[in-house]
Each structure stands twice: as structure tokens, then as C-alpha cells.
Amino acid sequence: GGAACTEVAAALDRLAGTYERVEAAKQMEATRLEDRRLEAMRDLEIERMRVLADVAISTSDDTQTPATSAAISTSADTHTSVAAAASGGLVGGTSTVDWAW
């Protein structure tokens, strides 16, 4: 009797330890996957902003008037600024850049 119960208790302790290690590994993997998901969303947002900036620059080049000539001449600087803001301006998957076009 007593030896069998001790053996069962030891086996249950080992099983509980294994279960805890598996659960901890699952949690770490879930955290790692969430980090990768957030990074991918950030990268997509940056690419989206680059495309929008390219379209805005392209559109402004197509419809250049004397009033917009000065603004277009700095379009490369604007594009660089937008890309710089995009790379550091994301919070929670949304952009903090205020698009005013």
C-alpha cells in the first residue's frame, strides 16, 4: 500500500512538472508569435505610408502649378520625413503621423 501510493505521488509530481514546463513553453511561443505579428503590422504600416507618400508626390508632379512648384521641389525631403516618421511613429499598430492631404 504505502510504497505504491508514494510511487503514484512521485509520478504525479513529475507529471505536474512536465505540464508546467509545456505550458510555460506554449506561453513563450505565443508571446514570440505576437511580437512577430506586431512587427509585421508595423512593417506593413510603414510600407503603406511610403506608398501613400509616393502617390502624393507622383500626383503632385502630374498636376504641378506655379502655386505648388515650391512644395514639389521639396518632395524628396517630404518623402524622407514621412519615411522617418513612419519608422518611429507607430503606437499599437496605428500611425501617429497626421496626414493632411
C-alpha atoms as a PDB file:
ATOM      1  CA  GLY A   1       0.000   0.000   0.000  1.00  0.00           C
ATOM      2  CA  GLY A   2       2.268   2.803   1.216  1.00  0.00           C
ATOM      3  CA  ALA A   3       5.038   2.283  -1.319  1.00  0.00           C
ATOM      4  CA  ALA A   4       2.555   2.228  -4.204  1.00  0.00           C
ATOM      5  CA  CYS A   5       0.965   5.491  -3.014  1.00  0.00           C
ATOM      6  CA  THR A   6       4.405   7.105  -2.711  1.00  0.00           C
ATOM      7  CA  GLU A   7       5.243   5.966  -6.216  1.00  0.00           C
ATOM      8  CA  VAL A   8       1.970   7.347  -7.608  1.00  0.00           C
ATOM      9  CA  ALA A   9       2.531  10.659  -5.798  1.00  0.00           C
ATOM     10  CA  ALA A  10       6.057  10.933  -7.245  1.00  0.00           C
ATOM     11  CA  ALA A  11       4.726  10.172 -10.737  1.00  0.00           C
ATOM     12  CA  LEU A  12       2.046  12.842 -10.325  1.00  0.00           C
ATOM     13  CA  ASP A  13       4.698  15.346  -9.228  1.00  0.00           C
ATOM     14  CA  ARG A  14       6.770  14.570 -12.310  1.00  0.00           C
ATOM     15  CA  LEU A  15       3.678  14.890 -14.499  1.00  0.00           C
ATOM     16  CA  ALA A  16       2.815  18.255 -12.908  1.00  0.00           C
ATOM     17  CA  GLY A  17       6.368  19.476 -13.541  1.00  0.00           C
ATOM     18  CA  THR A  18       6.197  18.383 -17.174  1.00  0.00           C
ATOM     19  CA  TYR A  19       2.810  20.056 -17.591  1.00  0.00           C
ATOM     20  CA  GLU A  20       4.131  23.324 -16.143  1.00  0.00           C
ATOM     21  CA  ARG A  21       7.143  23.281 -18.482  1.00  0.00           C
ATOM     22  CA  VAL A  22       4.909  22.641 -21.517  1.00  0.00           C
ATOM     23  CA  GLU A  23       2.535  25.447 -20.527  1.00  0.00           C
ATOM     24  CA  ALA A  24       5.443  27.858 -19.985  1.00  0.00           C
ATOM     25  CA  ALA A  25       6.856  26.942 -23.417  1.00  0.00           C
ATOM     26  CA  LYS A  26       3.425  27.467 -25.011  1.00  0.00           C
ATOM     27  CA  GLN A  27       3.152  30.898 -23.398  1.00  0.00           C
ATOM     28  CA  MET A  28       6.627  31.873 -24.587  1.00  0.00           C
ATOM     29  CA  GLU A  29       5.790  30.757 -28.129  1.00  0.00           C
ATOM     30  CA  ALA A  30       2.510  32.687 -28.073  1.00  0.00           C
ATOM     31  CA  THR A  31       4.395  35.804 -26.933  1.00  0.00           C
ATOM     32  CA  ARG A  32       7.021  35.330 -29.640  1.00  0.00           C
ATOM     33  CA  LEU A  33       4.336  34.933 -32.316  1.00  0.00           C
ATOM     34  CA  GLU A  34       2.502  38.039 -31.097  1.00  0.00           C
ATOM     35  CA  ASP A  35       5.752  40.023 -31.260  1.00  0.00           C
ATOM     36  CA  ARG A  36       6.294  38.837 -34.840  1.00  0.00           C
ATOM     37  CA  ARG A  37       2.689  39.749 -35.730  1.00  0.00           C
ATOM     38  CA  LEU A  38       3.114  43.253 -34.324  1.00  0.00           C
ATOM     39  CA  GLU A  39       6.408  43.689 -36.168  1.00  0.00           C
ATOM     40  CA  ALA A  40       4.779  42.592 -39.433  1.00  0.00           C
ATOM     41  CA  MET A  41       1.895  45.021 -38.877  1.00  0.00           C
ATOM     42  CA  ARG A  42       4.386  47.837 -38.202  1.00  0.00           C
ATOM     43  CA  ASP A  43       6.301  46.976 -41.386  1.00  0.00           C
ATOM     44  CA  LEU A  44       3.064  46.950 -43.403  1.00  0.00           C
ATOM     45  CA  GLU A  45       2.055  50.326 -41.968  1.00  0.00           C
ATOM     46  CA  ILE A  46       5.442  51.791 -42.898  1.00  0.00           C
ATOM     47  CA  GLU A  47       5.122  50.412 -46.426  1.00  0.00           C
ATOM     48  CA  ARG A  48       1.560  51.784 -46.670  1.00  0.00           C
ATOM     49  CA  MET A  49       2.798  55.240 -45.687  1.00  0.00           C
ATOM     50  CA  ARG A  50       5.624  55.043 -48.222  1.00  0.00           C
ATOM     51  CA  VAL A  51       3.153  54.132 -50.964  1.00  0.00           C
ATOM     52  CA  LEU A  52       0.833  56.983 -49.949  1.00  0.00           C
ATOM     53  CA  ALA A  53       3.765  59.403 -49.985  1.00  0.00           C
ATOM     54  CA  ASP A  54       4.861  58.134 -53.403  1.00  0.00           C
ATOM     55  CA  VAL A  55       1.319  58.547 -54.762  1.00  0.00           C
ATOM     56  CA  ALA A  56       1.054  62.043 -53.301  1.00  0.00           C
ATOM     57  CA  ILE A  57       4.401  63.022 -54.787  1.00  0.00           C
ATOM     58  CA  SER A  58       3.523  61.447 -58.128  1.00  0.00           C
ATOM     59  CA  THR A  59       0.113  63.130 -58.172  1.00  0.00           C
ATOM     60  CA  SER A  60       1.599  66.489 -57.290  1.00  0.00           C
ATOM     61  CA  ASP A  61       4.187  66.077 -60.071  1.00  0.00           C
ATOM     62  CA  ASP A  62       1.370  65.419 -62.566  1.00  0.00           C
ATOM     63  CA  THR A  63      -0.654  68.458 -61.519  1.00  0.00           C
ATOM     64  CA  GLN A  64       2.147  70.962 -60.956  1.00  0.00           C
ATOM     65  CA  THR A  65       1.074  74.599 -60.913  1.00  0.00           C
ATOM     66  CA  PRO A  66       3.081  77.697 -60.026  1.00  0.00           C
ATOM     67  CA  ALA A  67       1.487  77.636 -56.559  1.00  0.00           C
ATOM     68  CA  THR A  68       2.667  74.079 -55.893  1.00  0.00           C
ATOM     69  CA  SER A  69       6.032  74.368 -57.582  1.00  0.00           C
ATOM     70  CA  ALA A  70       7.877  75.283 -54.375  1.00  0.00           C
ATOM     71  CA  ALA A  71       6.218  72.461 -52.450  1.00  0.00           C
ATOM     72  CA  ILE A  72       7.090  69.912 -55.115  1.00  0.00           C
ATOM     73  CA  SER A  73      10.720  70.953 -55.158  1.00  0.00           C
ATOM     74  CA  THR A  74      10.950  69.693 -51.575  1.00  0.00           C
ATOM     75  CA  SER A  75       9.008  66.478 -52.245  1.00  0.00           C
ATOM     76  CA  ALA A  76      12.111  64.342 -51.748  1.00  0.00           C
ATOM     77  CA  ASP A  77      12.614  65.916 -48.316  1.00  0.00           C
ATOM     78  CA  THR A  78       8.938  65.315 -47.533  1.00  0.00           C
ATOM     79  CA  HIS A  79       9.213  61.682 -48.615  1.00  0.00           C
ATOM     80  CA  THR A  80      12.272  61.221 -46.400  1.00  0.00           C
ATOM     81  CA  SER A  81      10.478  62.884 -43.484  1.00  0.00           C
ATOM     82  CA  VAL A  82       7.413  60.688 -43.940  1.00  0.00           C
ATOM     83  CA  ALA A  83       9.542  57.539 -44.039  1.00  0.00           C
ATOM     84  CA  ALA A  84      11.445  58.669 -40.943  1.00  0.00           C
ATOM     85  CA  ALA A  85       8.208  59.440 -39.114  1.00  0.00           C
ATOM     86  CA  ALA A  86       6.767  56.100 -40.179  1.00  0.00           C
ATOM     87  CA  SER A  87       9.698  54.128 -38.872  1.00  0.00           C
ATOM     88  CA  GLY A  88       9.398  55.605 -35.391  1.00  0.00           C
ATOM     89  CA  GLY A  89       5.862  56.924 -35.221  1.00  0.00           C
ATOM     90  CA  LEU A  90       3.724  53.850 -34.637  1.00  0.00           C
ATOM     91  CA  VAL A  91       1.871  53.104 -31.443  1.00  0.00           C
ATOM     92  CA  GLY A  92      -0.253  49.998 -31.139  1.00  0.00           C
ATOM     93  CA  GLY A  93      -0.312  49.363 -34.876  1.00  0.00           C
ATOM     94  CA  THR A  94      -1.641  52.844 -35.766  1.00  0.00           C
ATOM     95  CA  SER A  95       0.220  55.775 -37.188  1.00  0.00           C
ATOM     96  CA  THR A  96       0.838  58.926 -35.186  1.00  0.00           C
ATOM     97  CA  VAL A  97       1.566  60.826 -38.397  1.00  0.00           C
ATOM     98  CA  ASP A  98      -1.189  63.334 -39.219  1.00  0.00           C
ATOM     99  CA  TRP A  99      -1.945  63.110 -42.927  1.00  0.00           C
ATOM    100  CA  ALA A 100      -3.298  66.423 -44.166  1.00  0.00           C
ATOM    101  CA  TRP A 101      -3.886  65.836 -47.850  1.00  0.00           C
END
